[in-house]
Amino acid sequence: MKMTIFVLLITIIFNICAAQQYTIKFATVAPEGTSWMNVMKEYDAAVRAESGGRIGFKMYPSNIQGDEKTVIRKIGVGQLHAAGFTGVGLGEIAPKARILDTPYLIRSHEEADNLLRVFDQELQQAIEAGGYILLGWAEVGFVYVFSNSPINKVDDIKQLKMWVWDGDPVAETSFKALDVKPIPLSFDNVRTSLQTGLVNAFYTTPYAAIALQWYTQAKYLVDYPLTCSAGAVLISKKYFDKLPGDLQEILVRNGRIYMKKLTEVGRKDNNNALAELKKRGITFTKADKEGIKEYIAAGLRARKMLVGKMYDEDFMKRVEKAAEDFRKNAK
C-alpha cells in the first residue's frame, strides 16, 4: 500500500514537472494588487490553460527586480525573459516608440488608439530590431502634473522643483521645452524626495498617484494632461525564438487580448482615480485657451528637440500628420 502511494506521488510530481516546460520570468514596476498585475495574472492563467500547463509566467511585481533599465540588463543576460514597460523602457529598446510619449501630442483615447493602428507594424519592427517581441500594447494612461502650489498659467511651472525620471530623455526634454529645469531621480526615490522637499512637483497617471501614494505629497493637479503614456509587454526575442511555434502563437494571441483589456481597465481606473483625488482634497486647476496654446507649442518644440535622438524628422512629421488628420476628421 505504501509503495503504491509512493509510486502515485512520484507519478504526479513527474507529470507536473513535465507539463510546464517553459517558465517566463516577468518583471514590472507595477505594485501587487493593481489592475496591471491582476490582468497579467489572468493572461498567465489563460496561457497555462490553453497550453496544457506547458508554459506560464513567474511574476516579479513592485519594482523588486529593479528599474526598467536594470530589468533590460537582466533580460540581456537571461536572468529575466519578459517585462511590462512604460515609455522609459520602450525607449531603451525602440527609441522611435517614444514619440507616443511626447507632450501634448495625444489628446484623447481615440487618438491614442488611432496612432497605434497606423504605426503598429512599424513600431513592432523597431521593437524586434531591439531584440524583443511585442506581446501587447498596454497604455499606462494620461499623465498629469501634480504640485504643492497652484499652476494657473504656464509660467507657474518654472518655479517648481520638478521631478523627472532619471535617464528619461523625453521627460527631460518635455520640461526643458517648458523652460523648467527638472531634478532627475530614480523612480523608487520619488516619494522620499517629495517628503523631504527635494522636489515638490511630479507627473504621473491619477491611478498611479494613488497606488504609489505620491498624491499625499501634493495639493494641486493641472487638469490638462501632459501626455498619454504608452506601455507594452515585451518578451526577449532570443527566448521567444526558442519556444515551439504553437506556444509562440498562444502567447502573442492572448497577449493582444489581455493587454487590450488592461488598456480598457486602466482607462476606467484612471477616470475613477481622478474623481477619487478630488474627494481626497486635490485641487484641479484648469488651463485657459492661451495656456493650452502654449502647452501645444511646447510639445512641438520638444518633438523637434528629439529629432536625431529618438527618431528622424520624417517619422515625426508622419506621426504629427496622422494625429492632426484624425483630429480634423473627428471634428
C-alpha atoms as a PDB file:
ATOM      1  CA  MET A   1       0.000   0.000   0.000  1.00  0.00           C
ATOM      2  CA  LYS A   2       2.806   2.420   0.969  1.00  0.00           C
ATOM      3  CA  MET A   3       4.696   1.525  -2.190  1.00  0.00           C
ATOM      4  CA  THR A   4       1.565   2.183  -4.323  1.00  0.00           C
ATOM      5  CA  ILE A   5       1.041   5.622  -2.732  1.00  0.00           C
ATOM      6  CA  PHE A   6       4.730   6.429  -3.223  1.00  0.00           C
ATOM      7  CA  VAL A   7       4.578   5.481  -6.895  1.00  0.00           C
ATOM      8  CA  LEU A   8       1.424   7.593  -7.375  1.00  0.00           C
ATOM      9  CA  LEU A   9       3.074  10.630  -5.742  1.00  0.00           C
ATOM     10  CA  ILE A  10       6.174  10.262  -7.889  1.00  0.00           C
ATOM     11  CA  THR A  11       3.996   9.963 -10.999  1.00  0.00           C
ATOM     12  CA  ILE A  12       2.008  13.113 -10.100  1.00  0.00           C
ATOM     13  CA  ILE A  13       5.182  15.116  -9.404  1.00  0.00           C
ATOM     14  CA  PHE A  14       6.761  13.897 -12.644  1.00  0.00           C
ATOM     15  CA  ASN A  15       3.674  14.858 -14.659  1.00  0.00           C
ATOM     16  CA  ILE A  16       3.554  18.333 -13.104  1.00  0.00           C
ATOM     17  CA  CYS A  17       7.237  18.935 -13.806  1.00  0.00           C
ATOM     18  CA  ALA A  18       6.974  17.522 -17.285  1.00  0.00           C
ATOM     19  CA  ALA A  19       3.883  19.637 -18.078  1.00  0.00           C
ATOM     20  CA  GLN A  20       5.491  23.055 -17.501  1.00  0.00           C
ATOM     21  CA  GLN A  21       8.420  23.078 -19.846  1.00  0.00           C
ATOM     22  CA  TYR A  22       8.842  26.863 -20.047  1.00  0.00           C
ATOM     23  CA  THR A  23       8.709  29.460 -17.266  1.00  0.00           C
ATOM     24  CA  ILE A  24       8.744  33.083 -18.394  1.00  0.00           C
ATOM     25  CA  LYS A  25      10.322  35.269 -15.718  1.00  0.00           C
ATOM     26  CA  PHE A  26       8.413  38.542 -15.910  1.00  0.00           C
ATOM     27  CA  ALA A  27       9.163  41.846 -14.130  1.00  0.00           C
ATOM     28  CA  THR A  28       7.259  45.113 -13.756  1.00  0.00           C
ATOM     29  CA  VAL A  29       7.283  48.278 -11.651  1.00  0.00           C
ATOM     30  CA  ALA A  30       3.515  47.815 -11.107  1.00  0.00           C
ATOM     31  CA  PRO A  31       2.635  47.067  -7.466  1.00  0.00           C
ATOM     32  CA  GLU A  32       0.942  43.841  -6.428  1.00  0.00           C
ATOM     33  CA  GLY A  33      -2.849  44.167  -6.299  1.00  0.00           C
ATOM     34  CA  THR A  34      -3.083  46.760  -9.093  1.00  0.00           C
ATOM     35  CA  SER A  35      -5.036  46.267 -12.307  1.00  0.00           C
ATOM     36  CA  TRP A  36      -1.716  45.771 -14.103  1.00  0.00           C
ATOM     37  CA  MET A  37      -0.917  42.712 -12.006  1.00  0.00           C
ATOM     38  CA  ASN A  38      -4.486  41.403 -11.879  1.00  0.00           C
ATOM     39  CA  VAL A  39      -4.785  41.350 -15.675  1.00  0.00           C
ATOM     40  CA  MET A  40      -1.291  39.875 -16.038  1.00  0.00           C
ATOM     41  CA  LYS A  41      -2.395  37.020 -13.782  1.00  0.00           C
ATOM     42  CA  GLU A  42      -5.453  36.487 -15.978  1.00  0.00           C
ATOM     43  CA  TYR A  43      -3.140  36.407 -19.006  1.00  0.00           C
ATOM     44  CA  ASP A  44      -0.916  33.870 -17.261  1.00  0.00           C
ATOM     45  CA  ALA A  45      -3.912  31.672 -16.360  1.00  0.00           C
ATOM     46  CA  ALA A  46      -5.184  31.743 -19.971  1.00  0.00           C
ATOM     47  CA  VAL A  47      -1.762  30.817 -21.363  1.00  0.00           C
ATOM     48  CA  ARG A  48      -1.341  27.959 -18.874  1.00  0.00           C
ATOM     49  CA  ALA A  49      -4.818  26.610 -19.603  1.00  0.00           C
ATOM     50  CA  GLU A  50      -4.504  26.738 -23.384  1.00  0.00           C
ATOM     51  CA  SER A  51      -1.009  25.251 -23.418  1.00  0.00           C
ATOM     52  CA  GLY A  52      -1.980  22.422 -21.099  1.00  0.00           C
ATOM     53  CA  GLY A  53       0.381  23.851 -18.455  1.00  0.00           C
ATOM     54  CA  ARG A  54       3.429  23.707 -20.736  1.00  0.00           C
ATOM     55  CA  ILE A  55       4.180  27.422 -20.318  1.00  0.00           C
ATOM     56  CA  GLY A  56       3.477  30.074 -17.714  1.00  0.00           C
ATOM     57  CA  PHE A  57       4.794  33.234 -16.089  1.00  0.00           C
ATOM     58  CA  LYS A  58       6.692  33.769 -12.865  1.00  0.00           C
ATOM     59  CA  MET A  59       5.843  37.317 -11.774  1.00  0.00           C
ATOM     60  CA  TYR A  60       8.145  39.866 -10.146  1.00  0.00           C
ATOM     61  CA  PRO A  61       5.998  42.964  -9.397  1.00  0.00           C
ATOM     62  CA  SER A  62       6.599  46.147  -7.384  1.00  0.00           C
ATOM     63  CA  ASN A  63       9.987  47.012  -8.894  1.00  0.00           C
ATOM     64  CA  ILE A  64      11.648  44.160  -6.961  1.00  0.00           C
ATOM     65  CA  GLN A  65      13.853  43.330  -9.950  1.00  0.00           C
ATOM     66  CA  GLY A  66      14.964  46.956 -10.225  1.00  0.00           C
ATOM     67  CA  ASP A  67      14.021  49.809 -12.541  1.00  0.00           C
ATOM     68  CA  GLU A  68      13.314  49.235 -16.217  1.00  0.00           C
ATOM     69  CA  LYS A  69      16.886  49.766 -17.355  1.00  0.00           C
ATOM     70  CA  THR A  70      18.066  47.209 -14.791  1.00  0.00           C
ATOM     71  CA  VAL A  71      15.382  44.788 -15.983  1.00  0.00           C
ATOM     72  CA  ILE A  72      16.586  45.200 -19.580  1.00  0.00           C
ATOM     73  CA  ARG A  73      20.132  44.315 -18.486  1.00  0.00           C
ATOM     74  CA  LYS A  74      18.839  41.236 -16.663  1.00  0.00           C
ATOM     75  CA  ILE A  75      16.874  40.142 -19.725  1.00  0.00           C
ATOM     76  CA  GLY A  76      20.029  40.593 -21.776  1.00  0.00           C
ATOM     77  CA  VAL A  77      21.902  38.041 -19.658  1.00  0.00           C
ATOM     78  CA  GLY A  78      18.950  35.661 -19.340  1.00  0.00           C
ATOM     79  CA  GLN A  79      18.055  36.286 -15.680  1.00  0.00           C
ATOM     80  CA  LEU A  80      14.635  37.516 -16.822  1.00  0.00           C
ATOM     81  CA  HIS A  81      12.726  36.932 -20.036  1.00  0.00           C
ATOM     82  CA  ALA A  82       9.917  39.478 -20.266  1.00  0.00           C
ATOM     83  CA  ALA A  83       8.626  42.674 -18.705  1.00  0.00           C
ATOM     84  CA  GLY A  84       5.901  45.267 -18.635  1.00  0.00           C
ATOM     85  CA  PHE A  85       7.490  48.508 -19.804  1.00  0.00           C
ATOM     86  CA  THR A  86       6.499  52.136 -19.630  1.00  0.00           C
ATOM     87  CA  GLY A  87       7.892  54.535 -22.211  1.00  0.00           C
ATOM     88  CA  VAL A  88      11.216  54.678 -20.357  1.00  0.00           C
ATOM     89  CA  GLY A  89      11.958  51.021 -21.017  1.00  0.00           C
ATOM     90  CA  LEU A  90      10.456  51.139 -24.508  1.00  0.00           C
ATOM     91  CA  GLY A  91      12.826  53.964 -25.372  1.00  0.00           C
ATOM     92  CA  GLU A  92      15.843  51.843 -24.480  1.00  0.00           C
ATOM     93  CA  ILE A  93      14.625  49.119 -26.853  1.00  0.00           C
ATOM     94  CA  ALA A  94      12.904  51.029 -29.667  1.00  0.00           C
ATOM     95  CA  PRO A  95      13.640  54.771 -29.345  1.00  0.00           C
ATOM     96  CA  LYS A  96      11.178  55.834 -32.056  1.00  0.00           C
ATOM     97  CA  ALA A  97       8.285  54.454 -29.962  1.00  0.00           C
ATOM     98  CA  ARG A  98       8.884  57.310 -27.527  1.00  0.00           C
ATOM     99  CA  ILE A  99       7.202  59.738 -29.885  1.00  0.00           C
ATOM    100  CA  LEU A 100       3.942  58.424 -28.406  1.00  0.00           C
ATOM    101  CA  ASP A 101       5.015  59.893 -25.053  1.00  0.00           C
ATOM    102  CA  THR A 102       5.942  63.334 -26.325  1.00  0.00           C
ATOM    103  CA  PRO A 103       3.975  66.161 -24.676  1.00  0.00           C
ATOM    104  CA  TYR A 104       0.570  67.310 -25.862  1.00  0.00           C
ATOM    105  CA  LEU A 105       0.613  65.073 -28.959  1.00  0.00           C
ATOM    106  CA  ILE A 106      -2.274  62.769 -27.973  1.00  0.00           C
ATOM    107  CA  ARG A 107      -5.373  64.440 -26.559  1.00  0.00           C
ATOM    108  CA  SER A 108      -7.926  61.612 -26.426  1.00  0.00           C
ATOM    109  CA  HIS A 109      -8.084  57.852 -26.084  1.00  0.00           C
ATOM    110  CA  GLU A 110      -9.378  57.638 -29.649  1.00  0.00           C
ATOM    111  CA  GLU A 111      -6.294  59.474 -30.919  1.00  0.00           C
ATOM    112  CA  ALA A 112      -4.056  57.086 -28.979  1.00  0.00           C
ATOM    113  CA  ASP A 113      -5.815  54.059 -30.474  1.00  0.00           C
ATOM    114  CA  ASN A 114      -5.581  55.513 -33.967  1.00  0.00           C
ATOM    115  CA  LEU A 115      -1.818  56.165 -33.797  1.00  0.00           C
ATOM    116  CA  LEU A 116      -1.197  52.593 -32.660  1.00  0.00           C
ATOM    117  CA  ARG A 117      -3.352  51.276 -35.507  1.00  0.00           C
ATOM    118  CA  VAL A 118      -1.483  53.358 -38.082  1.00  0.00           C
ATOM    119  CA  PHE A 119       2.057  52.745 -36.813  1.00  0.00           C
ATOM    120  CA  ASP A 120       1.706  49.323 -35.159  1.00  0.00           C
ATOM    121  CA  GLN A 121       3.722  47.364 -37.727  1.00  0.00           C
ATOM    122  CA  GLU A 122       6.451  49.990 -37.978  1.00  0.00           C
ATOM    123  CA  LEU A 123       6.831  50.112 -34.197  1.00  0.00           C
ATOM    124  CA  GLN A 124       6.784  46.320 -33.925  1.00  0.00           C
ATOM    125  CA  GLN A 125       9.665  46.174 -36.412  1.00  0.00           C
ATOM    126  CA  ALA A 126      11.613  48.662 -34.295  1.00  0.00           C
ATOM    127  CA  ILE A 127      10.949  46.585 -31.172  1.00  0.00           C
ATOM    128  CA  GLU A 128      12.078  43.406 -32.921  1.00  0.00           C
ATOM    129  CA  ALA A 129      15.225  45.165 -34.150  1.00  0.00           C
ATOM    130  CA  GLY A 130      15.864  45.979 -30.487  1.00  0.00           C
ATOM    131  CA  GLY A 131      15.780  42.286 -29.581  1.00  0.00           C
ATOM    132  CA  TYR A 132      12.188  41.904 -28.351  1.00  0.00           C
ATOM    133  CA  ILE A 133       8.776  40.668 -29.456  1.00  0.00           C
ATOM    134  CA  LEU A 134       5.627  42.656 -28.691  1.00  0.00           C
ATOM    135  CA  LEU A 135       3.083  40.642 -26.719  1.00  0.00           C
ATOM    136  CA  GLY A 136       0.700  43.584 -26.475  1.00  0.00           C
ATOM    137  CA  TRP A 137       0.363  47.346 -26.162  1.00  0.00           C
ATOM    138  CA  ALA A 138      -0.790  48.326 -22.689  1.00  0.00           C
ATOM    139  CA  GLU A 139      -1.438  52.034 -22.335  1.00  0.00           C
ATOM    140  CA  VAL A 140      -0.335  53.495 -18.986  1.00  0.00           C
ATOM    141  CA  GLY A 141      -2.722  56.411 -19.400  1.00  0.00           C
ATOM    142  CA  PHE A 142      -2.908  60.179 -19.417  1.00  0.00           C
ATOM    143  CA  VAL A 143      -0.212  61.769 -17.287  1.00  0.00           C
ATOM    144  CA  TYR A 144      -0.871  64.891 -15.208  1.00  0.00           C
ATOM    145  CA  VAL A 145       1.407  67.313 -13.380  1.00  0.00           C
ATOM    146  CA  PHE A 146       0.922  67.352  -9.580  1.00  0.00           C
ATOM    147  CA  SER A 147       2.351  70.064  -7.356  1.00  0.00           C
ATOM    148  CA  ASN A 148       2.276  71.721  -3.948  1.00  0.00           C
ATOM    149  CA  SER A 149       1.455  75.148  -5.381  1.00  0.00           C
ATOM    150  CA  PRO A 150      -1.187  76.074  -7.969  1.00  0.00           C
ATOM    151  CA  ILE A 151      -0.291  76.166 -11.663  1.00  0.00           C
ATOM    152  CA  ASN A 152      -2.722  78.679 -13.141  1.00  0.00           C
ATOM    153  CA  LYS A 153      -0.515  79.624 -16.082  1.00  0.00           C
ATOM    154  CA  VAL A 154       2.445  78.061 -17.869  1.00  0.00           C
ATOM    155  CA  ASP A 155       4.961  80.373 -16.162  1.00  0.00           C
ATOM    156  CA  ASP A 156       3.966  78.937 -12.759  1.00  0.00           C
ATOM    157  CA  ILE A 157       5.616  75.630 -13.690  1.00  0.00           C
ATOM    158  CA  LYS A 158       9.016  77.324 -13.921  1.00  0.00           C
ATOM    159  CA  GLN A 159       9.026  77.991 -10.168  1.00  0.00           C
ATOM    160  CA  LEU A 160       8.643  74.312  -9.231  1.00  0.00           C
ATOM    161  CA  LYS A 161      11.215  71.736  -8.203  1.00  0.00           C
ATOM    162  CA  MET A 162      10.000  69.219 -10.751  1.00  0.00           C
ATOM    163  CA  TRP A 163      10.971  65.566 -10.565  1.00  0.00           C
ATOM    164  CA  VAL A 164      11.947  63.825 -13.790  1.00  0.00           C
ATOM    165  CA  TRP A 165      12.666  60.099 -14.173  1.00  0.00           C
ATOM    166  CA  ASP A 166      16.455  59.811 -14.204  1.00  0.00           C
ATOM    167  CA  GLY A 167      17.691  58.861 -17.664  1.00  0.00           C
ATOM    168  CA  ASP A 168      14.409  59.649 -19.446  1.00  0.00           C
ATOM    169  CA  PRO A 169      15.320  61.962 -22.364  1.00  0.00           C
ATOM    170  CA  VAL A 170      11.686  62.524 -23.395  1.00  0.00           C
ATOM    171  CA  ALA A 171      10.515  63.729 -19.976  1.00  0.00           C
ATOM    172  CA  GLU A 172      13.631  65.856 -19.542  1.00  0.00           C
ATOM    173  CA  THR A 173      13.191  67.440 -22.985  1.00  0.00           C
ATOM    174  CA  SER A 174       9.480  67.989 -22.356  1.00  0.00           C
ATOM    175  CA  PHE A 175      10.177  70.129 -19.309  1.00  0.00           C
ATOM    176  CA  LYS A 176      13.077  71.924 -20.974  1.00  0.00           C
ATOM    177  CA  ALA A 177      10.643  72.930 -23.707  1.00  0.00           C
ATOM    178  CA  LEU A 178       8.566  74.483 -20.921  1.00  0.00           C
ATOM    179  CA  ASP A 179      11.694  76.277 -19.581  1.00  0.00           C
ATOM    180  CA  VAL A 180      11.756  74.051 -16.497  1.00  0.00           C
ATOM    181  CA  LYS A 181      14.980  72.656 -15.055  1.00  0.00           C
ATOM    182  CA  PRO A 182      13.839  69.290 -13.682  1.00  0.00           C
ATOM    183  CA  ILE A 183      15.524  67.294 -10.926  1.00  0.00           C
ATOM    184  CA  PRO A 184      16.391  63.754 -12.122  1.00  0.00           C
ATOM    185  CA  LEU A 185      15.768  60.967  -9.605  1.00  0.00           C
ATOM    186  CA  SER A 186      15.215  57.229  -9.854  1.00  0.00           C
ATOM    187  CA  PHE A 187      11.620  56.012  -9.715  1.00  0.00           C
ATOM    188  CA  ASP A 188      11.930  54.489  -6.241  1.00  0.00           C
ATOM    189  CA  ASN A 189      13.292  57.716  -4.709  1.00  0.00           C
ATOM    190  CA  VAL A 190      10.369  59.951  -5.674  1.00  0.00           C
ATOM    191  CA  ARG A 191       8.146  59.578  -2.607  1.00  0.00           C
ATOM    192  CA  THR A 192      11.016  60.118  -0.152  1.00  0.00           C
ATOM    193  CA  SER A 193      12.192  63.159  -2.117  1.00  0.00           C
ATOM    194  CA  LEU A 194       8.684  64.624  -2.030  1.00  0.00           C
ATOM    195  CA  GLN A 195       8.558  64.102   1.738  1.00  0.00           C
ATOM    196  CA  THR A 196      11.908  65.820   2.275  1.00  0.00           C
ATOM    197  CA  GLY A 197      11.140  68.679  -0.113  1.00  0.00           C
ATOM    198  CA  LEU A 198      13.929  67.871  -2.556  1.00  0.00           C
ATOM    199  CA  VAL A 199      11.176  68.019  -5.188  1.00  0.00           C
ATOM    200  CA  ASN A 200       7.693  69.493  -4.865  1.00  0.00           C
ATOM    201  CA  ALA A 201       6.144  68.520  -8.183  1.00  0.00           C
ATOM    202  CA  PHE A 202       5.854  65.326 -10.220  1.00  0.00           C
ATOM    203  CA  TYR A 203       3.979  63.805 -13.141  1.00  0.00           C
ATOM    204  CA  THR A 204       2.103  60.518 -13.282  1.00  0.00           C
ATOM    205  CA  THR A 205      -1.304  58.998 -14.013  1.00  0.00           C
ATOM    206  CA  PRO A 206      -4.110  59.515 -11.473  1.00  0.00           C
ATOM    207  CA  TYR A 207      -4.279  55.782 -10.750  1.00  0.00           C
ATOM    208  CA  ALA A 208      -0.536  55.536 -10.162  1.00  0.00           C
ATOM    209  CA  ALA A 209      -0.590  58.645  -7.954  1.00  0.00           C
ATOM    210  CA  ILE A 210      -2.948  56.809  -5.601  1.00  0.00           C
ATOM    211  CA  ALA A 211      -1.394  53.338  -5.935  1.00  0.00           C
ATOM    212  CA  LEU A 212       2.084  54.717  -5.179  1.00  0.00           C
ATOM    213  CA  GLN A 213       0.728  57.155  -2.541  1.00  0.00           C
ATOM    214  CA  TRP A 214       2.534  60.058  -4.211  1.00  0.00           C
ATOM    215  CA  TYR A 215      -0.640  62.146  -4.175  1.00  0.00           C
ATOM    216  CA  THR A 216      -0.295  62.527  -0.387  1.00  0.00           C
ATOM    217  CA  GLN A 217       2.594  64.923  -1.064  1.00  0.00           C
ATOM    218  CA  ALA A 218       0.625  67.132  -3.489  1.00  0.00           C
ATOM    219  CA  LYS A 219      -2.188  69.681  -3.294  1.00  0.00           C
ATOM    220  CA  TYR A 220      -2.823  70.529  -6.944  1.00  0.00           C
ATOM    221  CA  LEU A 221      -3.243  68.853 -10.323  1.00  0.00           C
ATOM    222  CA  VAL A 222      -3.098  70.588 -13.719  1.00  0.00           C
ATOM    223  CA  ASP A 223      -6.284  69.473 -15.438  1.00  0.00           C
ATOM    224  CA  TYR A 224      -4.698  69.331 -18.886  1.00  0.00           C
ATOM    225  CA  PRO A 225      -2.700  66.128 -19.466  1.00  0.00           C
ATOM    226  CA  LEU A 226       0.997  66.388 -20.164  1.00  0.00           C
ATOM    227  CA  THR A 227       0.996  63.243 -22.299  1.00  0.00           C
ATOM    228  CA  CYS A 228      -0.651  59.885 -22.863  1.00  0.00           C
ATOM    229  CA  SER A 229       1.930  57.405 -21.629  1.00  0.00           C
ATOM    230  CA  ALA A 230       2.455  54.322 -23.758  1.00  0.00           C
ATOM    231  CA  GLY A 231       3.235  50.913 -22.317  1.00  0.00           C
ATOM    232  CA  ALA A 232       3.792  47.391 -23.575  1.00  0.00           C
ATOM    233  CA  VAL A 233       4.543  43.841 -22.528  1.00  0.00           C
ATOM    234  CA  LEU A 234       7.621  42.582 -24.349  1.00  0.00           C
ATOM    235  CA  ILE A 235       9.486  39.291 -24.354  1.00  0.00           C
ATOM    236  CA  SER A 236      13.106  38.652 -25.294  1.00  0.00           C
ATOM    237  CA  LYS A 237      13.273  37.610 -28.957  1.00  0.00           C
ATOM    238  CA  LYS A 238      16.118  35.255 -28.096  1.00  0.00           C
ATOM    239  CA  TYR A 239      13.912  33.442 -25.563  1.00  0.00           C
ATOM    240  CA  PHE A 240      10.790  33.658 -27.747  1.00  0.00           C
ATOM    241  CA  ASP A 241      12.571  32.074 -30.718  1.00  0.00           C
ATOM    242  CA  LYS A 242      13.383  29.004 -28.617  1.00  0.00           C
ATOM    243  CA  LEU A 243       9.688  28.324 -27.961  1.00  0.00           C
ATOM    244  CA  PRO A 244       7.687  25.885 -30.112  1.00  0.00           C
ATOM    245  CA  GLY A 245       5.514  27.597 -32.705  1.00  0.00           C
ATOM    246  CA  ASP A 246       2.234  26.699 -31.024  1.00  0.00           C
ATOM    247  CA  LEU A 247       3.345  28.280 -27.739  1.00  0.00           C
ATOM    248  CA  GLN A 248       4.511  31.424 -29.553  1.00  0.00           C
ATOM    249  CA  GLU A 249       1.066  31.737 -31.123  1.00  0.00           C
ATOM    250  CA  ILE A 250      -0.680  31.228 -27.761  1.00  0.00           C
ATOM    251  CA  LEU A 251       1.467  33.887 -26.113  1.00  0.00           C
ATOM    252  CA  VAL A 252       1.010  36.527 -28.823  1.00  0.00           C
ATOM    253  CA  ARG A 253      -2.716  35.975 -29.418  1.00  0.00           C
ATOM    254  CA  ASN A 254      -3.590  36.025 -25.720  1.00  0.00           C
ATOM    255  CA  GLY A 255      -1.189  38.902 -25.168  1.00  0.00           C
ATOM    256  CA  ARG A 256      -3.147  41.062 -27.598  1.00  0.00           C
ATOM    257  CA  ILE A 257      -6.430  40.095 -25.909  1.00  0.00           C
ATOM    258  CA  TYR A 258      -5.347  40.747 -22.333  1.00  0.00           C
ATOM    259  CA  MET A 259      -3.278  43.861 -22.996  1.00  0.00           C
ATOM    260  CA  LYS A 260      -6.289  45.373 -24.779  1.00  0.00           C
ATOM    261  CA  LYS A 261      -8.322  44.506 -21.692  1.00  0.00           C
ATOM    262  CA  LEU A 262      -5.639  46.074 -19.494  1.00  0.00           C
ATOM    263  CA  THR A 263      -5.803  49.293 -21.523  1.00  0.00           C
ATOM    264  CA  GLU A 264      -9.600  49.405 -21.139  1.00  0.00           C
ATOM    265  CA  VAL A 265      -9.426  48.658 -17.411  1.00  0.00           C
ATOM    266  CA  GLY A 266      -6.648  51.218 -16.991  1.00  0.00           C
ATOM    267  CA  ARG A 267      -8.740  53.932 -18.607  1.00  0.00           C
ATOM    268  CA  LYS A 268     -11.604  53.246 -16.205  1.00  0.00           C
ATOM    269  CA  ASP A 269      -9.210  53.138 -13.259  1.00  0.00           C
ATOM    270  CA  ASN A 270      -7.709  56.493 -14.198  1.00  0.00           C
ATOM    271  CA  ASN A 271     -11.122  58.121 -14.630  1.00  0.00           C
ATOM    272  CA  ASN A 272     -12.211  56.783 -11.263  1.00  0.00           C
ATOM    273  CA  ALA A 273      -8.913  57.916  -9.734  1.00  0.00           C
ATOM    274  CA  LEU A 274      -9.491  61.490 -10.934  1.00  0.00           C
ATOM    275  CA  ALA A 275     -12.791  61.556  -9.055  1.00  0.00           C
ATOM    276  CA  GLU A 276     -11.147  59.985  -6.012  1.00  0.00           C
ATOM    277  CA  LEU A 277      -8.349  62.566  -5.995  1.00  0.00           C
ATOM    278  CA  LYS A 278     -10.952  65.329  -5.831  1.00  0.00           C
ATOM    279  CA  LYS A 279     -12.591  63.583  -2.886  1.00  0.00           C
ATOM    280  CA  ARG A 280      -9.221  63.380  -1.160  1.00  0.00           C
ATOM    281  CA  GLY A 281      -8.662  67.107  -1.390  1.00  0.00           C
ATOM    282  CA  ILE A 282      -6.583  67.587  -4.540  1.00  0.00           C
ATOM    283  CA  THR A 283      -7.470  70.900  -6.237  1.00  0.00           C
ATOM    284  CA  PHE A 284      -7.765  70.784 -10.039  1.00  0.00           C
ATOM    285  CA  THR A 285      -6.504  73.862 -11.893  1.00  0.00           C
ATOM    286  CA  LYS A 286      -7.779  74.487 -15.418  1.00  0.00           C
ATOM    287  CA  ALA A 287      -5.684  75.692 -18.338  1.00  0.00           C
ATOM    288  CA  ASP A 288      -7.263  78.533 -20.319  1.00  0.00           C
ATOM    289  CA  LYS A 289      -7.185  78.800 -24.141  1.00  0.00           C
ATOM    290  CA  GLU A 290      -3.939  80.765 -24.164  1.00  0.00           C
ATOM    291  CA  GLY A 291      -2.343  78.314 -21.746  1.00  0.00           C
ATOM    292  CA  ILE A 292      -3.367  75.371 -23.927  1.00  0.00           C
ATOM    293  CA  LYS A 293      -1.811  77.082 -26.964  1.00  0.00           C
ATOM    294  CA  GLU A 294       1.438  77.498 -25.017  1.00  0.00           C
ATOM    295  CA  TYR A 295       1.406  73.850 -23.941  1.00  0.00           C
ATOM    296  CA  ILE A 296       0.829  72.655 -27.516  1.00  0.00           C
ATOM    297  CA  ALA A 297       3.632  74.910 -28.794  1.00  0.00           C
ATOM    298  CA  ALA A 298       5.951  73.477 -26.127  1.00  0.00           C
ATOM    299  CA  GLY A 299       5.043  69.982 -27.330  1.00  0.00           C
ATOM    300  CA  LEU A 300       6.041  70.893 -30.885  1.00  0.00           C
ATOM    301  CA  ARG A 301       9.357  72.290 -29.619  1.00  0.00           C
ATOM    302  CA  ALA A 302      10.021  69.154 -27.568  1.00  0.00           C
ATOM    303  CA  ARG A 303       9.402  66.824 -30.521  1.00  0.00           C
ATOM    304  CA  LYS A 304      11.759  68.850 -32.721  1.00  0.00           C
ATOM    305  CA  MET A 305      14.417  68.756 -29.988  1.00  0.00           C
ATOM    306  CA  LEU A 306      14.237  64.946 -30.009  1.00  0.00           C
ATOM    307  CA  VAL A 307      14.772  64.592 -33.770  1.00  0.00           C
ATOM    308  CA  GLY A 308      18.018  62.709 -34.354  1.00  0.00           C
ATOM    309  CA  LYS A 309      17.997  61.416 -30.781  1.00  0.00           C
ATOM    310  CA  MET A 310      14.883  59.235 -30.645  1.00  0.00           C
ATOM    311  CA  TYR A 311      13.507  59.327 -34.200  1.00  0.00           C
ATOM    312  CA  ASP A 312      14.034  61.028 -37.555  1.00  0.00           C
ATOM    313  CA  GLU A 313      12.192  64.085 -38.850  1.00  0.00           C
ATOM    314  CA  ASP A 314      10.215  62.149 -41.454  1.00  0.00           C
ATOM    315  CA  PHE A 315       8.753  59.835 -38.802  1.00  0.00           C
ATOM    316  CA  MET A 316       7.886  62.790 -36.558  1.00  0.00           C
ATOM    317  CA  LYS A 317       6.046  64.561 -39.381  1.00  0.00           C
ATOM    318  CA  ARG A 318       4.123  61.415 -40.326  1.00  0.00           C
ATOM    319  CA  VAL A 319       3.003  60.877 -36.739  1.00  0.00           C
ATOM    320  CA  GLU A 320       2.015  64.520 -36.261  1.00  0.00           C
ATOM    321  CA  LYS A 321       0.080  64.491 -39.541  1.00  0.00           C
ATOM    322  CA  ALA A 322      -1.733  61.268 -38.616  1.00  0.00           C
ATOM    323  CA  ALA A 323      -2.729  62.779 -35.271  1.00  0.00           C
ATOM    324  CA  GLU A 324      -3.879  66.053 -36.847  1.00  0.00           C
ATOM    325  CA  ASP A 325      -5.791  64.342 -39.672  1.00  0.00           C
ATOM    326  CA  PHE A 326      -7.629  62.120 -37.210  1.00  0.00           C
ATOM    327  CA  ARG A 327      -8.457  65.134 -35.033  1.00  0.00           C
ATOM    328  CA  LYS A 328      -9.908  67.048 -38.012  1.00  0.00           C
ATOM    329  CA  ASN A 329     -11.969  64.062 -39.167  1.00  0.00           C
ATOM    330  CA  ALA A 330     -13.266  63.534 -35.636  1.00  0.00           C
ATOM    331  CA  LYS A 331     -14.466  67.140 -35.536  1.00  0.00           C
END
